[in-house]
């Protein structure tokens, strides 16, 4: 009987001790560190990689079809306006010119003959040696011969133009940046043969991700620097923003006009720092971020009840050491930055403000 009573006494003591521990745990607040939310201005920005391109770039192509027999330019060749870049086999075009010249000579001879006849009939009509009908016929034949001469001249001019089109010439001073023809290749009309980057102003071209434009249109001024030398910067201005989105890459093409002093070679890789207009928000340390059913949230301290509650927030931008919040909390709210991993809704806390 004695051992049985001793066991019951020990169990009762253990039960009382457990209840006491639970009571102490229930009233013991969780120690956390917190900060006051303060408003601040921030400026959305993004560093985008691009390259230097000519402001005016044209595709050069033959205006007649044929087989390439000569190529004088390649990628990187500096050319001047009027330089011959490539030539086609012009046998057919030269034959057309010869035929047109022969037709022109025949038309000229016919005009001379009809002119003499008309002048003779004109004299005979004045002396009434011929009838009016014969004179009218001679005049009509002269007009027809003159029309045939004009047609022959036009045909010859067209044939000469076609002959000149067998030579592809540069339309401006610049650099060849692309080539798609080789000797022996048969090309068709308007098929691109060379791409010419004209001398003159240059742009830095960037493909900016679409999400950046959700912050609003970027400011017109862009800092452009060489990838290989970030310290070498130039102040540039946005010249053109594409109205269409590249659906495959989810980007928008932006062309930035480089100043005259930035005479960087074509194709040089550069980095552009794009910025949007400054705006207001609440800056919160990155250690304060929590999750509420997958949504960003923070633990807010209720100083009156000395407890915490989880509150969803609208994050405008994540940064290296903090993030910008634009909704869900208010200035001067006290949020938990350390010790929030094991908190529960309505849990009592004791806080230390940083």
C-alpha atoms as a PDB file:
ATOM      1  CA  UNK A   1       0.000   0.000   0.000  1.00  0.00           C
ATOM      2  CA  UNK A   2       2.854   2.365   0.869  1.00  0.00           C
ATOM      3  CA  UNK A   3       4.570   2.120  -2.559  1.00  0.00           C
ATOM      4  CA  UNK A   4       1.230   2.662  -4.311  1.00  0.00           C
ATOM      5  CA  UNK A   5       0.626   5.916  -2.383  1.00  0.00           C
ATOM      6  CA  UNK A   6       4.123   7.094  -3.189  1.00  0.00           C
ATOM      7  CA  UNK A   7       3.524   6.591  -6.924  1.00  0.00           C
ATOM      8  CA  UNK A   8       0.273   8.539  -6.770  1.00  0.00           C
ATOM      9  CA  UNK A   9       2.018  11.390  -4.952  1.00  0.00           C
ATOM     10  CA  UNK A  10       4.769  11.591  -7.584  1.00  0.00           C
ATOM     11  CA  UNK A  11       2.243  11.639 -10.433  1.00  0.00           C
ATOM     12  CA  UNK A  12       0.334  14.449  -8.758  1.00  0.00           C
ATOM     13  CA  UNK A  13       3.488  16.502  -8.319  1.00  0.00           C
ATOM     14  CA  UNK A  14       4.453  15.970 -11.947  1.00  0.00           C
ATOM     15  CA  UNK A  15       1.003  17.013 -13.090  1.00  0.00           C
ATOM     16  CA  UNK A  16       1.100  20.173 -11.009  1.00  0.00           C
ATOM     17  CA  UNK A  17       4.593  20.988 -12.305  1.00  0.00           C
ATOM     18  CA  UNK A  18       3.429  20.599 -15.954  1.00  0.00           C
ATOM     19  CA  UNK A  19       0.469  22.888 -15.405  1.00  0.00           C
ATOM     20  CA  UNK A  20       2.725  25.457 -13.818  1.00  0.00           C
ATOM     21  CA  UNK A  21       5.105  25.314 -16.833  1.00  0.00           C
ATOM     22  CA  UNK A  22       2.191  25.741 -19.237  1.00  0.00           C
ATOM     23  CA  UNK A  23       0.875  28.681 -17.304  1.00  0.00           C
ATOM     24  CA  UNK A  24       4.297  30.289 -17.320  1.00  0.00           C
ATOM     25  CA  UNK A  25       4.615  29.623 -21.081  1.00  0.00           C
ATOM     26  CA  UNK A  26       1.209  31.091 -21.793  1.00  0.00           C
ATOM     27  CA  UNK A  27       1.985  34.350 -20.114  1.00  0.00           C
ATOM     28  CA  UNK A  28       5.622  34.612 -21.201  1.00  0.00           C
ATOM     29  CA  UNK A  29       5.814  37.041 -24.181  1.00  0.00           C
ATOM     30  CA  UNK A  30       7.939  36.325 -27.239  1.00  0.00           C
ATOM     31  CA  UNK A  31      11.043  38.521 -27.446  1.00  0.00           C
ATOM     32  CA  UNK A  32      11.317  40.335 -30.807  1.00  0.00           C
ATOM     33  CA  UNK A  33      13.059  43.297 -32.371  1.00  0.00           C
ATOM     34  CA  UNK A  34      11.060  45.879 -34.276  1.00  0.00           C
ATOM     35  CA  UNK A  35      11.408  49.129 -36.231  1.00  0.00           C
ATOM     36  CA  UNK A  36       9.153  52.059 -36.926  1.00  0.00           C
ATOM     37  CA  UNK A  37       7.954  52.372 -40.517  1.00  0.00           C
ATOM     38  CA  UNK A  38       9.145  55.620 -42.059  1.00  0.00           C
ATOM     39  CA  UNK A  39       8.077  57.147 -45.384  1.00  0.00           C
ATOM     40  CA  UNK A  40      10.707  57.884 -48.001  1.00  0.00           C
ATOM     41  CA  UNK A  41      10.989  58.772 -51.690  1.00  0.00           C
ATOM     42  CA  UNK A  42      12.444  56.216 -54.078  1.00  0.00           C
ATOM     43  CA  UNK A  43      13.199  56.170 -57.771  1.00  0.00           C
ATOM     44  CA  UNK A  44      12.678  52.995 -59.819  1.00  0.00           C
ATOM     45  CA  UNK A  45      15.735  52.267 -61.936  1.00  0.00           C
ATOM     46  CA  UNK A  46      17.147  49.485 -64.080  1.00  0.00           C
ATOM     47  CA  UNK A  47      20.523  48.760 -65.704  1.00  0.00           C
ATOM     48  CA  UNK A  48      20.007  47.315 -69.205  1.00  0.00           C
ATOM     49  CA  UNK A  49      22.671  46.042 -71.595  1.00  0.00           C
ATOM     50  CA  UNK A  50      22.562  47.213 -75.209  1.00  0.00           C
ATOM     51  CA  UNK A  51      24.834  48.054 -78.125  1.00  0.00           C
ATOM     52  CA  UNK A  52      25.860  51.004 -80.268  1.00  0.00           C
ATOM     53  CA  UNK A  53      24.197  51.213 -83.687  1.00  0.00           C
ATOM     54  CA  UNK A  54      24.038  53.723 -86.520  1.00  0.00           C
ATOM     55  CA  UNK A  55      21.006  55.978 -86.370  1.00  0.00           C
ATOM     56  CA  UNK A  56      20.334  55.427 -90.076  1.00  0.00           C
ATOM     57  CA  UNK A  57      20.808  51.885 -91.362  1.00  0.00           C
ATOM     58  CA  UNK A  58      19.657  50.781 -94.816  1.00  0.00           C
ATOM     59  CA  UNK A  59      19.358  47.471 -96.643  1.00  0.00           C
ATOM     60  CA  UNK A  60      20.833  47.645-100.152  1.00  0.00           C
ATOM     61  CA  UNK A  61      19.479  45.387-102.906  1.00  0.00           C
ATOM     62  CA  UNK A  62      19.642  45.003-106.696  1.00  0.00           C
ATOM     63  CA  UNK A  63      16.781  46.442-108.734  1.00  0.00           C
ATOM     64  CA  UNK A  64      17.090  43.674-111.327  1.00  0.00           C
ATOM     65  CA  UNK A  65      17.547  39.935-110.953  1.00  0.00           C
ATOM     66  CA  UNK A  66      20.605  38.043-112.119  1.00  0.00           C
ATOM     67  CA  UNK A  67      23.770  36.143-111.202  1.00  0.00           C
ATOM     68  CA  UNK A  68      26.437  37.835-109.089  1.00  0.00           C
ATOM     69  CA  UNK A  69      29.753  37.964-110.950  1.00  0.00           C
ATOM     70  CA  UNK A  70      31.691  40.334-108.670  1.00  0.00           C
ATOM     71  CA  UNK A  71      31.637  41.371-104.996  1.00  0.00           C
ATOM     72  CA  UNK A  72      33.837  44.240-103.859  1.00  0.00           C
ATOM     73  CA  UNK A  73      32.699  44.819-100.260  1.00  0.00           C
ATOM     74  CA  UNK A  74      32.488  42.740 -97.128  1.00  0.00           C
ATOM     75  CA  UNK A  75      31.373  43.218 -93.522  1.00  0.00           C
ATOM     76  CA  UNK A  76      33.352  46.040 -91.965  1.00  0.00           C
ATOM     77  CA  UNK A  77      34.257  47.720 -95.267  1.00  0.00           C
ATOM     78  CA  UNK A  78      34.148  51.521 -95.188  1.00  0.00           C
ATOM     79  CA  UNK A  79      32.471  52.775 -98.360  1.00  0.00           C
ATOM     80  CA  UNK A  80      31.607  56.115 -99.909  1.00  0.00           C
ATOM     81  CA  UNK A  81      28.469  57.127-101.759  1.00  0.00           C
ATOM     82  CA  UNK A  82      28.630  55.793-105.328  1.00  0.00           C
ATOM     83  CA  UNK A  83      31.124  52.982-104.617  1.00  0.00           C
ATOM     84  CA  UNK A  84      30.269  49.746-106.456  1.00  0.00           C
ATOM     85  CA  UNK A  85      29.624  46.962-103.945  1.00  0.00           C
ATOM     86  CA  UNK A  86      28.711  44.103-106.301  1.00  0.00           C
ATOM     87  CA  UNK A  87      27.865  43.436-109.964  1.00  0.00           C
ATOM     88  CA  UNK A  88      25.549  41.108-111.874  1.00  0.00           C
ATOM     89  CA  UNK A  89      26.031  39.422-115.241  1.00  0.00           C
ATOM     90  CA  UNK A  90      24.872  42.188-117.622  1.00  0.00           C
ATOM     91  CA  UNK A  91      24.852  40.260-120.915  1.00  0.00           C
ATOM     92  CA  UNK A  92      21.077  40.446-121.246  1.00  0.00           C
ATOM     93  CA  UNK A  93      20.901  44.120-120.290  1.00  0.00           C
ATOM     94  CA  UNK A  94      23.624  45.093-122.790  1.00  0.00           C
ATOM     95  CA  UNK A  95      21.754  43.260-125.552  1.00  0.00           C
ATOM     96  CA  UNK A  96      18.610  45.197-124.654  1.00  0.00           C
ATOM     97  CA  UNK A  97      20.572  48.451-124.895  1.00  0.00           C
ATOM     98  CA  UNK A  98      21.909  47.494-128.344  1.00  0.00           C
ATOM     99  CA  UNK A  99      18.396  46.685-129.560  1.00  0.00           C
ATOM    100  CA  UNK A 100      17.042  49.943-128.150  1.00  0.00           C
ATOM    101  CA  UNK A 101      19.828  51.954-129.779  1.00  0.00           C
ATOM    102  CA  UNK A 102      19.122  50.342-133.161  1.00  0.00           C
ATOM    103  CA  UNK A 103      15.408  51.065-132.788  1.00  0.00           C
ATOM    104  CA  UNK A 104      16.224  54.666-131.914  1.00  0.00           C
ATOM    105  CA  UNK A 105      18.404  55.098-134.984  1.00  0.00           C
ATOM    106  CA  UNK A 106      15.637  53.681-137.170  1.00  0.00           C
ATOM    107  CA  UNK A 107      13.083  56.031-135.584  1.00  0.00           C
ATOM    108  CA  UNK A 108      15.391  59.021-136.137  1.00  0.00           C
ATOM    109  CA  UNK A 109      15.851  58.105-139.807  1.00  0.00           C
ATOM    110  CA  UNK A 110      12.091  57.759-140.219  1.00  0.00           C
ATOM    111  CA  UNK A 111      11.516  61.187-138.663  1.00  0.00           C
ATOM    112  CA  UNK A 112      14.049  62.758-141.023  1.00  0.00           C
ATOM    113  CA  UNK A 113      12.397  61.126-144.020  1.00  0.00           C
ATOM    114  CA  UNK A 114       8.858  62.112-142.957  1.00  0.00           C
ATOM    115  CA  UNK A 115      10.041  65.643-142.198  1.00  0.00           C
ATOM    116  CA  UNK A 116      11.454  66.080-145.729  1.00  0.00           C
ATOM    117  CA  UNK A 117       8.271  64.667-147.237  1.00  0.00           C
ATOM    118  CA  UNK A 118       6.105  66.974-145.154  1.00  0.00           C
ATOM    119  CA  UNK A 119       8.157  70.064-146.091  1.00  0.00           C
ATOM    120  CA  UNK A 120       7.973  69.158-149.797  1.00  0.00           C
ATOM    121  CA  UNK A 121       4.209  68.606-149.637  1.00  0.00           C
ATOM    122  CA  UNK A 122       3.841  71.878-147.794  1.00  0.00           C
ATOM    123  CA  UNK A 123       5.510  73.725-150.695  1.00  0.00           C
ATOM    124  CA  UNK A 124       3.488  71.860-153.288  1.00  0.00           C
ATOM    125  CA  UNK A 125       0.257  72.661-151.468  1.00  0.00           C
ATOM    126  CA  UNK A 126       1.039  76.389-151.609  1.00  0.00           C
ATOM    127  CA  UNK A 127       1.388  76.134-155.410  1.00  0.00           C
ATOM    128  CA  UNK A 128      -1.719  73.932-155.526  1.00  0.00           C
ATOM    129  CA  UNK A 129       0.277  71.104-157.127  1.00  0.00           C
ATOM    130  CA  UNK A 130      -1.178  68.516-154.708  1.00  0.00           C
ATOM    131  CA  UNK A 131      -4.489  68.033-152.948  1.00  0.00           C
ATOM    132  CA  UNK A 132      -5.116  68.974-149.352  1.00  0.00           C
ATOM    133  CA  UNK A 133      -5.650  65.298-148.484  1.00  0.00           C
ATOM    134  CA  UNK A 134      -2.077  64.396-149.552  1.00  0.00           C
ATOM    135  CA  UNK A 135      -0.680  67.171-147.375  1.00  0.00           C
ATOM    136  CA  UNK A 136      -2.765  66.039-144.370  1.00  0.00           C
ATOM    137  CA  UNK A 137      -1.563  62.459-144.826  1.00  0.00           C
ATOM    138  CA  UNK A 138       2.083  63.587-144.837  1.00  0.00           C
ATOM    139  CA  UNK A 139       1.523  65.600-141.657  1.00  0.00           C
ATOM    140  CA  UNK A 140      -0.059  62.599-139.898  1.00  0.00           C
ATOM    141  CA  UNK A 141       2.820  60.352-140.895  1.00  0.00           C
ATOM    142  CA  UNK A 142       5.307  62.892-139.515  1.00  0.00           C
ATOM    143  CA  UNK A 143       3.464  63.056-136.188  1.00  0.00           C
ATOM    144  CA  UNK A 144       3.414  59.246-135.998  1.00  0.00           C
ATOM    145  CA  UNK A 145       7.161  59.094-136.730  1.00  0.00           C
ATOM    146  CA  UNK A 146       7.868  61.672-134.030  1.00  0.00           C
ATOM    147  CA  UNK A 147       5.818  59.629-131.526  1.00  0.00           C
ATOM    148  CA  UNK A 148       7.733  56.505-132.493  1.00  0.00           C
ATOM    149  CA  UNK A 149      10.986  58.405-131.929  1.00  0.00           C
ATOM    150  CA  UNK A 150       9.894  59.450-128.417  1.00  0.00           C
ATOM    151  CA  UNK A 151       8.955  55.850-127.644  1.00  0.00           C
ATOM    152  CA  UNK A 152      12.347  54.625-128.886  1.00  0.00           C
ATOM    153  CA  UNK A 153      14.142  57.203-126.731  1.00  0.00           C
ATOM    154  CA  UNK A 154      12.152  56.080-123.673  1.00  0.00           C
ATOM    155  CA  UNK A 155      12.892  52.421-124.413  1.00  0.00           C
ATOM    156  CA  UNK A 156      16.610  53.173-124.672  1.00  0.00           C
ATOM    157  CA  UNK A 157      16.561  55.094-121.392  1.00  0.00           C
ATOM    158  CA  UNK A 158      14.818  52.177-119.677  1.00  0.00           C
ATOM    159  CA  UNK A 159      17.355  49.716-121.082  1.00  0.00           C
ATOM    160  CA  UNK A 160      20.244  51.903-119.936  1.00  0.00           C
ATOM    161  CA  UNK A 161      18.719  52.136-116.452  1.00  0.00           C
ATOM    162  CA  UNK A 162      18.394  48.354-116.316  1.00  0.00           C
ATOM    163  CA  UNK A 163      22.043  48.084-117.329  1.00  0.00           C
ATOM    164  CA  UNK A 164      23.078  50.487-114.566  1.00  0.00           C
ATOM    165  CA  UNK A 165      21.050  48.464-112.045  1.00  0.00           C
ATOM    166  CA  UNK A 166      23.378  45.506-112.573  1.00  0.00           C
ATOM    167  CA  UNK A 167      25.838  47.405-110.358  1.00  0.00           C
ATOM    168  CA  UNK A 168      24.870  47.798-106.708  1.00  0.00           C
ATOM    169  CA  UNK A 169      26.232  51.084-105.366  1.00  0.00           C
ATOM    170  CA  UNK A 170      26.402  52.566-101.882  1.00  0.00           C
ATOM    171  CA  UNK A 171      23.842  55.327-101.410  1.00  0.00           C
ATOM    172  CA  UNK A 172      25.833  57.088 -98.655  1.00  0.00           C
ATOM    173  CA  UNK A 173      29.118  57.039 -96.766  1.00  0.00           C
ATOM    174  CA  UNK A 174      29.218  54.379 -94.090  1.00  0.00           C
ATOM    175  CA  UNK A 175      30.202  50.874 -92.998  1.00  0.00           C
ATOM    176  CA  UNK A 176      28.909  47.547 -94.282  1.00  0.00           C
ATOM    177  CA  UNK A 177      27.464  45.693 -91.291  1.00  0.00           C
ATOM    178  CA  UNK A 178      25.888  42.677 -93.042  1.00  0.00           C
ATOM    179  CA  UNK A 179      26.285  40.784 -96.315  1.00  0.00           C
ATOM    180  CA  UNK A 180      24.022  38.079 -97.783  1.00  0.00           C
ATOM    181  CA  UNK A 181      25.359  37.551-101.331  1.00  0.00           C
ATOM    182  CA  UNK A 182      28.251  35.617-102.829  1.00  0.00           C
ATOM    183  CA  UNK A 183      29.783  35.419-106.300  1.00  0.00           C
ATOM    184  CA  UNK A 184      27.821  32.949-108.408  1.00  0.00           C
ATOM    185  CA  UNK A 185      24.621  33.379-106.429  1.00  0.00           C
ATOM    186  CA  UNK A 186      21.414  34.202-108.304  1.00  0.00           C
ATOM    187  CA  UNK A 187      19.563  37.064-106.638  1.00  0.00           C
ATOM    188  CA  UNK A 188      16.055  38.357-107.159  1.00  0.00           C
ATOM    189  CA  UNK A 189      14.735  41.902-107.274  1.00  0.00           C
ATOM    190  CA  UNK A 190      14.722  43.645-103.869  1.00  0.00           C
ATOM    191  CA  UNK A 191      16.566  40.775-102.164  1.00  0.00           C
ATOM    192  CA  UNK A 192      18.756  42.288 -99.441  1.00  0.00           C
ATOM    193  CA  UNK A 193      22.429  42.069-100.380  1.00  0.00           C
ATOM    194  CA  UNK A 194      24.196  44.424 -97.937  1.00  0.00           C
ATOM    195  CA  UNK A 195      23.292  46.420 -94.845  1.00  0.00           C
ATOM    196  CA  UNK A 196      24.870  49.850 -94.702  1.00  0.00           C
ATOM    197  CA  UNK A 197      25.274  51.758 -91.445  1.00  0.00           C
ATOM    198  CA  UNK A 198      25.561  55.386 -92.478  1.00  0.00           C
ATOM    199  CA  UNK A 199      28.109  57.732 -90.990  1.00  0.00           C
ATOM    200  CA  UNK A 200      26.724  60.315 -88.616  1.00  0.00           C
ATOM    201  CA  UNK A 201      24.801  60.255 -85.331  1.00  0.00           C
ATOM    202  CA  UNK A 202      24.701  57.002 -83.419  1.00  0.00           C
ATOM    203  CA  UNK A 203      22.251  55.426 -80.991  1.00  0.00           C
ATOM    204  CA  UNK A 204      22.537  53.048 -78.089  1.00  0.00           C
ATOM    205  CA  UNK A 205      19.792  50.452 -78.589  1.00  0.00           C
ATOM    206  CA  UNK A 206      18.296  48.616 -75.609  1.00  0.00           C
ATOM    207  CA  UNK A 207      15.608  45.965 -75.166  1.00  0.00           C
ATOM    208  CA  UNK A 208      13.978  47.023 -71.894  1.00  0.00           C
ATOM    209  CA  UNK A 209      11.798  44.480 -70.114  1.00  0.00           C
ATOM    210  CA  UNK A 210       8.117  45.275 -70.239  1.00  0.00           C
ATOM    211  CA  UNK A 211       7.632  45.304 -66.436  1.00  0.00           C
ATOM    212  CA  UNK A 212       9.798  48.416 -66.124  1.00  0.00           C
ATOM    213  CA  UNK A 213       7.197  50.409 -68.047  1.00  0.00           C
ATOM    214  CA  UNK A 214       4.581  49.488 -65.457  1.00  0.00           C
ATOM    215  CA  UNK A 215       6.354  52.018 -63.240  1.00  0.00           C
ATOM    216  CA  UNK A 216       5.618  54.664 -65.868  1.00  0.00           C
ATOM    217  CA  UNK A 217       7.545  55.964 -68.855  1.00  0.00           C
ATOM    218  CA  UNK A 218      11.261  56.287 -68.030  1.00  0.00           C
ATOM    219  CA  UNK A 219      12.866  59.701 -67.749  1.00  0.00           C
ATOM    220  CA  UNK A 220      14.310  61.028 -70.991  1.00  0.00           C
ATOM    221  CA  UNK A 221      17.887  61.206 -69.634  1.00  0.00           C
ATOM    222  CA  UNK A 222      19.857  57.939 -69.564  1.00  0.00           C
ATOM    223  CA  UNK A 223      23.386  57.347 -68.283  1.00  0.00           C
ATOM    224  CA  UNK A 224      25.204  55.172 -70.828  1.00  0.00           C
ATOM    225  CA  UNK A 225      28.550  53.534 -70.026  1.00  0.00           C
ATOM    226  CA  UNK A 226      30.850  51.034 -71.701  1.00  0.00           C
ATOM    227  CA  UNK A 227      30.576  47.490 -70.382  1.00  0.00           C
ATOM    228  CA  UNK A 228      34.374  47.255 -70.394  1.00  0.00           C
ATOM    229  CA  UNK A 229      34.823  50.658 -68.732  1.00  0.00           C
ATOM    230  CA  UNK A 230      31.889  51.547 -66.420  1.00  0.00           C
ATOM    231  CA  UNK A 231      33.560  54.787 -65.381  1.00  0.00           C
ATOM    232  CA  UNK A 232      33.393  56.115 -68.919  1.00  0.00           C
ATOM    233  CA  UNK A 233      29.824  57.413 -68.990  1.00  0.00           C
ATOM    234  CA  UNK A 234      27.848  59.673 -71.296  1.00  0.00           C
ATOM    235  CA  UNK A 235      24.607  61.553 -70.727  1.00  0.00           C
ATOM    236  CA  UNK A 236      22.193  60.516 -73.439  1.00  0.00           C
ATOM    237  CA  UNK A 237      18.518  61.088 -74.159  1.00  0.00           C
ATOM    238  CA  UNK A 238      15.755  58.741 -75.266  1.00  0.00           C
ATOM    239  CA  UNK A 239      15.006  59.317 -78.956  1.00  0.00           C
ATOM    240  CA  UNK A 240      12.506  56.590 -79.720  1.00  0.00           C
ATOM    241  CA  UNK A 241      10.417  54.050 -77.806  1.00  0.00           C
ATOM    242  CA  UNK A 242       8.917  51.239 -79.859  1.00  0.00           C
ATOM    243  CA  UNK A 243       5.104  51.208 -79.709  1.00  0.00           C
ATOM    244  CA  UNK A 244       5.108  47.394 -79.994  1.00  0.00           C
ATOM    245  CA  UNK A 245       6.213  44.733 -77.524  1.00  0.00           C
ATOM    246  CA  UNK A 246       8.452  41.856 -78.536  1.00  0.00           C
ATOM    247  CA  UNK A 247       6.061  39.076 -77.536  1.00  0.00           C
ATOM    248  CA  UNK A 248       8.764  36.398 -77.535  1.00  0.00           C
ATOM    249  CA  UNK A 249      11.178  38.234 -75.234  1.00  0.00           C
ATOM    250  CA  UNK A 250       8.690  40.458 -73.408  1.00  0.00           C
ATOM    251  CA  UNK A 251      10.793  43.554 -74.117  1.00  0.00           C
ATOM    252  CA  UNK A 252      10.346  46.996 -75.642  1.00  0.00           C
ATOM    253  CA  UNK A 253      13.060  48.452 -77.890  1.00  0.00           C
ATOM    254  CA  UNK A 254      14.359  51.852 -76.804  1.00  0.00           C
ATOM    255  CA  UNK A 255      16.769  53.947 -78.877  1.00  0.00           C
ATOM    256  CA  UNK A 256      18.921  56.455 -77.020  1.00  0.00           C
ATOM    257  CA  UNK A 257      20.671  59.267 -78.904  1.00  0.00           C
ATOM    258  CA  UNK A 258      24.354  59.366 -77.958  1.00  0.00           C
ATOM    259  CA  UNK A 259      26.097  62.745 -77.692  1.00  0.00           C
ATOM    260  CA  UNK A 260      28.697  63.704 -80.275  1.00  0.00           C
ATOM    261  CA  UNK A 261      31.511  63.119 -77.810  1.00  0.00           C
ATOM    262  CA  UNK A 262      30.626  59.434 -77.424  1.00  0.00           C
ATOM    263  CA  UNK A 263      32.198  58.272 -80.696  1.00  0.00           C
ATOM    264  CA  UNK A 264      32.128  54.577 -79.777  1.00  0.00           C
ATOM    265  CA  UNK A 265      32.505  51.963 -82.554  1.00  0.00           C
ATOM    266  CA  UNK A 266      29.425  50.253 -83.937  1.00  0.00           C
ATOM    267  CA  UNK A 267      28.490  47.143 -81.984  1.00  0.00           C
ATOM    268  CA  UNK A 268      30.152  48.305 -78.775  1.00  0.00           C
ATOM    269  CA  UNK A 269      28.339  46.751 -75.759  1.00  0.00           C
ATOM    270  CA  UNK A 270      27.041  49.394 -73.357  1.00  0.00           C
ATOM    271  CA  UNK A 271      24.955  49.585 -70.188  1.00  0.00           C
ATOM    272  CA  UNK A 272      22.139  52.104 -69.833  1.00  0.00           C
ATOM    273  CA  UNK A 273      20.784  53.236 -66.464  1.00  0.00           C
ATOM    274  CA  UNK A 274      17.077  53.923 -66.909  1.00  0.00           C
ATOM    275  CA  UNK A 275      15.083  55.754 -64.238  1.00  0.00           C
ATOM    276  CA  UNK A 276      11.435  56.555 -63.651  1.00  0.00           C
ATOM    277  CA  UNK A 277      10.024  59.595 -61.856  1.00  0.00           C
ATOM    278  CA  UNK A 278      10.565  59.661 -58.053  1.00  0.00           C
ATOM    279  CA  UNK A 279       7.627  58.483 -55.971  1.00  0.00           C
ATOM    280  CA  UNK A 280       6.749  57.930 -52.342  1.00  0.00           C
ATOM    281  CA  UNK A 281       6.679  54.676 -50.388  1.00  0.00           C
ATOM    282  CA  UNK A 282       7.573  52.965 -47.127  1.00  0.00           C
ATOM    283  CA  UNK A 283      11.021  51.429 -46.776  1.00  0.00           C
ATOM    284  CA  UNK A 284      11.156  48.209 -44.739  1.00  0.00           C
ATOM    285  CA  UNK A 285      14.196  45.987 -43.992  1.00  0.00           C
ATOM    286  CA  UNK A 286      14.286  42.742 -45.945  1.00  0.00           C
ATOM    287  CA  UNK A 287      14.407  40.757 -42.681  1.00  0.00           C
ATOM    288  CA  UNK A 288      10.839  41.892 -41.910  1.00  0.00           C
ATOM    289  CA  UNK A 289       9.254  40.062 -44.844  1.00  0.00           C
ATOM    290  CA  UNK A 290       6.905  37.176 -44.024  1.00  0.00           C
ATOM    291  CA  UNK A 291       4.237  35.269 -45.916  1.00  0.00           C
ATOM    292  CA  UNK A 292       0.463  35.149 -45.621  1.00  0.00           C
ATOM    293  CA  UNK A 293      -0.840  32.288 -47.803  1.00  0.00           C
ATOM    294  CA  UNK A 294       1.933  32.985 -50.314  1.00  0.00           C
ATOM    295  CA  UNK A 295       1.447  36.767 -50.322  1.00  0.00           C
ATOM    296  CA  UNK A 296       4.074  39.150 -48.866  1.00  0.00           C
ATOM    297  CA  UNK A 297       3.252  40.224 -45.317  1.00  0.00           C
ATOM    298  CA  UNK A 298       4.791  41.660 -42.148  1.00  0.00           C
ATOM    299  CA  UNK A 299       4.150  41.195 -38.429  1.00  0.00           C
ATOM    300  CA  UNK A 300       2.736  44.416 -36.963  1.00  0.00           C
ATOM    301  CA  UNK A 301       3.000  45.048 -33.237  1.00  0.00           C
ATOM    302  CA  UNK A 302      -0.149  46.258 -31.449  1.00  0.00           C
ATOM    303  CA  UNK A 303       1.434  48.342 -28.711  1.00  0.00           C
ATOM    304  CA  UNK A 304      -1.814  48.640 -26.776  1.00  0.00           C
ATOM    305  CA  UNK A 305      -2.575  44.893 -26.684  1.00  0.00           C
ATOM    306  CA  UNK A 306       1.147  43.991 -26.647  1.00  0.00           C
ATOM    307  CA  UNK A 307       0.558  41.399 -29.350  1.00  0.00           C
ATOM    308  CA  UNK A 308       1.241  40.904 -33.045  1.00  0.00           C
ATOM    309  CA  UNK A 309      -0.871  40.424 -36.150  1.00  0.00           C
ATOM    310  CA  UNK A 310       0.111  39.319 -39.669  1.00  0.00           C
ATOM    311  CA  UNK A 311      -0.737  41.909 -42.289  1.00  0.00           C
ATOM    312  CA  UNK A 312      -0.448  41.606 -46.089  1.00  0.00           C
ATOM    313  CA  UNK A 313       1.468  44.387 -47.835  1.00  0.00           C
ATOM    314  CA  UNK A 314       1.808  45.646 -51.414  1.00  0.00           C
ATOM    315  CA  UNK A 315       5.457  45.515 -52.428  1.00  0.00           C
ATOM    316  CA  UNK A 316       6.415  47.962 -55.173  1.00  0.00           C
ATOM    317  CA  UNK A 317      10.069  46.966 -55.444  1.00  0.00           C
ATOM    318  CA  UNK A 318      12.469  44.483 -53.890  1.00  0.00           C
ATOM    319  CA  UNK A 319      15.994  45.782 -53.330  1.00  0.00           C
ATOM    320  CA  UNK A 320      19.233  44.352 -51.962  1.00  0.00           C
ATOM    321  CA  UNK A 321      18.752  45.115 -48.258  1.00  0.00           C
ATOM    322  CA  UNK A 322      15.167  46.376 -48.116  1.00  0.00           C
ATOM    323  CA  UNK A 323      11.933  46.612 -50.029  1.00  0.00           C
ATOM    324  CA  UNK A 324       9.460  49.343 -50.884  1.00  0.00           C
ATOM    325  CA  UNK A 325       5.875  48.996 -49.658  1.00  0.00           C
ATOM    326  CA  UNK A 326       3.023  51.108 -50.985  1.00  0.00           C
ATOM    327  CA  UNK A 327       0.060  49.593 -49.129  1.00  0.00           C
ATOM    328  CA  UNK A 328      -0.986  47.461 -46.178  1.00  0.00           C
ATOM    329  CA  UNK A 329       0.789  49.416 -43.461  1.00  0.00           C
ATOM    330  CA  UNK A 330       1.055  53.045 -42.436  1.00  0.00           C
ATOM    331  CA  UNK A 331       3.905  55.325 -41.341  1.00  0.00           C
ATOM    332  CA  UNK A 332       4.953  54.884 -37.705  1.00  0.00           C
ATOM    333  CA  UNK A 333       3.605  51.308 -37.562  1.00  0.00           C
ATOM    334  CA  UNK A 334       5.856  49.044 -35.522  1.00  0.00           C
ATOM    335  CA  UNK A 335       6.899  45.943 -37.473  1.00  0.00           C
ATOM    336  CA  UNK A 336       8.925  42.927 -36.400  1.00  0.00           C
ATOM    337  CA  UNK A 337      12.343  42.517 -38.004  1.00  0.00           C
ATOM    338  CA  UNK A 338      13.845  39.740 -35.849  1.00  0.00           C
ATOM    339  CA  UNK A 339      12.162  36.859 -34.055  1.00  0.00           C
ATOM    340  CA  UNK A 340       9.134  36.658 -36.312  1.00  0.00           C
ATOM    341  CA  UNK A 341       9.661  33.131 -37.657  1.00  0.00           C
ATOM    342  CA  UNK A 342       7.728  31.391 -34.833  1.00  0.00           C
ATOM    343  CA  UNK A 343       5.085  34.031 -34.166  1.00  0.00           C
ATOM    344  CA  UNK A 344       1.385  33.293 -34.217  1.00  0.00           C
ATOM    345  CA  UNK A 345      -1.580  35.570 -34.769  1.00  0.00           C
ATOM    346  CA  UNK A 346      -2.386  37.461 -31.565  1.00  0.00           C
ATOM    347  CA  UNK A 347       0.703  36.188 -29.753  1.00  0.00           C
ATOM    348  CA  UNK A 348       1.986  38.299 -26.860  1.00  0.00           C
ATOM    349  CA  UNK A 349       5.359  39.889 -27.512  1.00  0.00           C
ATOM    350  CA  UNK A 350       7.968  42.007 -25.830  1.00  0.00           C
ATOM    351  CA  UNK A 351       9.858  44.173 -28.267  1.00  0.00           C
ATOM    352  CA  UNK A 352      13.025  46.117 -28.547  1.00  0.00           C
ATOM    353  CA  UNK A 353      13.006  49.001 -31.012  1.00  0.00           C
ATOM    354  CA  UNK A 354      16.102  49.405 -33.117  1.00  0.00           C
END
